[in-house]
Amino acid sequence: EGLLKPGLFMTVDLVLATRSDALIVPEEALLLRGQKEYLYLVQDNNQIKRVAVQTGQRRPGEIEIVQGVQAGDTIVVNGLQKIREGQQVKPQQAAQGDSSPTAGTQG
């Protein structure tokens, strides 16, 4: 219709695909080691287990996990440099307004 004249600019947001059932975690929970990506999972006995994951789409501050963990699993979001696999932790609920779980180290 000739609405955009030569020399003028416009901004376009293009959404290629959306999923309502995607598993999303905070980006800071992701641990990168070379070409591999991991999450620290808190097992039933409150021990840490490093789990290889496959990631999908990204949004600012969030990343989709396609494979490796399931909905309802408790993951470590903060303090990744201070924990190791097999370490015992005491899970804590996230701060109000933040729905992502965290785990604090014990001892």
Protein backbone atom coordinates (compact mmCIF):
# COMPACT_ATOMS: atom_id res chain seq x y z
CA GLU A 1 0.00 0.00 0.00
CA GLY A 2 3.03 2.28 -0.09
CA LEU A 3 3.00 2.99 3.66
CA LEU A 4 6.75 2.48 4.08
CA LYS A 5 8.56 5.05 1.99
CA PRO A 6 12.17 4.62 0.80
CA GLY A 7 14.62 5.60 3.57
CA LEU A 8 12.18 4.90 6.41
CA PHE A 9 12.65 2.06 8.89
CA MET A 10 10.36 -0.28 10.78
CA THR A 11 10.70 -2.89 13.51
CA VAL A 12 9.33 -6.39 13.00
CA ASP A 13 8.93 -9.11 15.66
CA LEU A 14 8.87 -12.50 13.97
CA VAL A 15 7.70 -15.50 16.02
CA LEU A 16 8.70 -18.70 14.25
CA ALA A 17 7.32 -21.26 16.69
CA THR A 18 5.71 -21.31 20.11
CA ARG A 19 5.06 -24.15 22.52
CA SER A 20 2.87 -24.05 25.57
CA ASP A 21 4.36 -27.19 27.12
CA ALA A 22 8.07 -26.26 27.05
CA LEU A 23 10.27 -26.84 30.10
CA ILE A 24 11.92 -23.48 30.88
CA VAL A 25 14.71 -22.86 33.40
CA PRO A 26 16.63 -19.71 34.32
CA GLU A 27 19.63 -19.24 32.06
CA GLU A 28 22.01 -18.89 35.03
CA ALA A 29 21.24 -22.51 36.05
CA LEU A 30 22.94 -23.81 32.90
CA LEU A 31 26.53 -25.01 33.29
CA LEU A 32 28.66 -25.05 30.13
CA ARG A 33 31.64 -27.40 29.83
CA GLY A 34 33.14 -27.27 26.34
CA GLN A 35 30.38 -28.16 23.89
CA LYS A 36 28.21 -29.83 26.57
CA GLU A 37 25.50 -28.27 28.73
CA TYR A 38 24.54 -29.43 32.23
CA LEU A 39 22.16 -28.71 35.07
CA TYR A 40 22.71 -29.62 38.71
CA LEU A 41 19.77 -31.73 39.85
CA VAL A 42 18.85 -32.15 43.53
CA GLN A 43 17.96 -35.81 44.04
CA ASP A 44 15.49 -37.20 46.60
CA ASN A 45 18.30 -37.69 49.14
CA ASN A 46 19.30 -34.00 48.74
CA GLN A 47 22.49 -34.90 46.93
CA ILE A 48 23.63 -33.04 43.84
CA LYS A 49 23.82 -34.84 40.50
CA ARG A 50 25.18 -33.22 37.35
CA VAL A 51 22.89 -34.03 34.41
CA ALA A 52 23.66 -33.49 30.73
CA VAL A 53 20.82 -31.63 29.02
CA GLN A 54 19.83 -30.71 25.52
CA THR A 55 18.67 -27.13 25.13
CA GLY A 56 16.16 -25.62 22.75
CA GLN A 57 14.95 -22.09 22.25
CA ARG A 58 16.24 -19.17 24.28
CA ARG A 59 14.60 -16.02 25.54
CA PRO A 60 16.32 -13.29 27.53
CA GLY A 61 17.16 -14.89 30.90
CA GLU A 62 15.42 -18.20 30.11
CA ILE A 63 16.28 -21.36 28.22
CA GLU A 64 14.20 -24.33 27.12
CA ILE A 65 15.34 -27.80 28.21
CA VAL A 66 14.42 -30.40 25.60
CA GLN A 67 16.03 -33.44 27.21
CA GLY A 68 17.74 -34.38 30.49
CA VAL A 69 15.35 -33.23 33.23
CA GLN A 70 11.60 -33.36 33.73
CA ALA A 71 9.00 -30.94 35.02
CA GLY A 72 8.97 -31.04 38.81
CA ASP A 73 12.70 -31.80 39.18
CA THR A 74 14.55 -29.51 41.58
CA ILE A 75 17.57 -27.83 40.05
CA VAL A 76 20.29 -25.57 41.43
CA VAL A 77 20.05 -22.03 40.10
CA ASN A 78 22.55 -20.06 42.20
CA GLY A 79 26.06 -20.81 43.44
CA LEU A 80 27.05 -23.28 40.72
CA GLN A 81 30.76 -22.61 41.32
CA LYS A 82 30.49 -23.66 44.99
CA ILE A 83 28.89 -27.08 44.57
CA ARG A 84 30.08 -30.46 43.31
CA GLU A 85 28.37 -33.66 42.27
CA GLY A 86 27.54 -35.84 45.27
CA GLN A 87 27.49 -32.91 47.69
CA GLN A 88 24.66 -32.78 50.23
CA VAL A 89 22.45 -29.66 50.05
CA LYS A 90 19.49 -28.20 51.87
CA PRO A 91 16.90 -27.07 49.28
CA GLN A 92 15.43 -23.62 49.84
CA GLN A 93 12.38 -22.03 48.28
CA ALA A 94 13.17 -19.19 45.90
CA ALA A 95 12.65 -15.55 46.87
CA GLN A 96 9.09 -14.23 46.64
CA GLY A 97 8.18 -13.41 43.05
CA ASP A 98 10.74 -15.88 41.67
CA SER A 99 9.23 -19.26 40.89
CA SER A 100 12.54 -21.03 40.26
CA PRO A 101 13.80 -23.31 43.06
CA THR A 102 17.29 -22.93 44.48
CA ALA A 103 19.48 -25.11 46.66
CA GLY A 104 21.78 -23.89 49.39
CA THR A 105 24.84 -25.87 50.43
CA GLN A 106 24.94 -27.48 53.83
CA GLY A 107 27.81 -27.36 56.17
